[in-house]
Protein backbone atom coordinates (compact mmCIF):
# COMPACT_ATOMS: atom_id res chain seq x y z
CA PRO A 1 12.06 -6.02 3.46
CA ARG A 2 15.11 -4.76 1.47
CA GLY A 3 12.81 -3.65 -1.42
CA LEU A 4 10.51 -1.67 1.05
CA ALA A 5 13.57 -0.11 2.74
CA ALA A 6 14.75 1.02 -0.65
CA SER A 7 11.49 2.49 -1.56
CA ARG A 8 11.05 4.32 1.70
CA ALA A 9 14.66 5.82 1.57
CA ALA A 10 13.86 7.04 -2.13
CA LEU A 11 10.83 9.09 -0.89
CA ARG A 12 10.88 12.60 0.57
CA SER A 13 9.31 13.09 3.87
CA GLY A 14 5.79 12.99 3.60
CA GLY A 15 6.17 11.32 0.30
CA ALA A 16 3.93 8.23 -0.85
CA LEU A 17 3.98 4.71 -2.41
CA ALA A 18 1.01 3.29 -3.86
CA ILE A 19 0.88 -0.47 -4.31
CA TRP A 20 -1.62 -2.41 -6.05
CA SER A 21 -2.90 -5.99 -5.56
CA ALA A 22 -5.53 -8.17 -7.29
CA GLY A 23 -6.72 -9.31 -3.93
CA PRO A 24 -6.44 -8.74 -0.18
CA LEU A 25 -3.14 -9.73 1.50
CA PRO A 26 -3.82 -9.39 5.35
CA ALA A 27 -0.26 -9.26 6.47
CA PHE A 28 0.94 -6.90 4.03
CA PRO A 29 -0.15 -3.64 5.80
CA LYS A 30 1.90 -5.08 8.73
CA ARG A 31 4.91 -5.39 6.77
CA LEU A 32 4.48 -1.94 5.09
CA GLY A 33 4.48 -0.67 8.83
CA ARG A 34 7.51 -2.47 9.97
CA ALA A 35 9.31 -0.72 7.09
CA GLY A 36 8.45 2.31 8.59
CA PHE A 37 5.47 3.53 6.67
CA LEU A 38 1.89 4.80 7.81
CA VAL A 39 -0.38 2.90 5.78
CA ALA A 40 -3.90 3.29 4.20
CA GLU A 41 -5.78 0.36 2.66
CA HIS A 42 -8.38 1.05 -0.25
CA ALA A 43 -10.52 -1.93 -1.40
CA GLU A 44 -12.36 -1.25 -4.58
CA ARG A 45 -14.76 -3.56 -7.01
CA ALA A 46 -12.98 -4.16 -10.43
CA ARG A 47 -16.16 -2.66 -12.12
CA GLY A 48 -17.06 -0.14 -9.65
CA LYS A 49 -20.79 -0.49 -8.63
CA ARG A 50 -21.12 -3.13 -11.23
CA GLY A 51 -19.11 -5.56 -9.19
CA GLY A 52 -16.22 -7.91 -10.13
CA ALA A 53 -13.19 -8.57 -8.37
CA ARG A 54 -12.00 -6.99 -5.29
CA HIS A 55 -8.71 -5.18 -5.82
CA VAL A 56 -6.65 -3.32 -3.04
CA VAL A 57 -4.40 -0.51 -3.10
CA TRP A 58 -2.21 0.37 -0.49
CA VAL A 59 -0.98 3.75 0.13
CA ALA A 60 2.35 3.99 1.99
CA ARG A 61 3.55 7.46 3.33
CA LYS A 62 6.95 8.25 4.71
CA ALA A 63 6.41 10.05 8.13
CA ALA A 64 7.01 13.68 7.88
């Protein structure tokens, strides 16, 4: 929680923080929300249409 709070404090209003993961973490978007971020989750295959592991990127925005 302290790291997310420090990240949020470093952003300007409307700023964004992107976080990558090699796999899904169902509780993480909730943790970002509790830290005061608006969250969008993007899941992509490692090799696009050819498949591969499913990677996740969360874009956490500081509300304007």
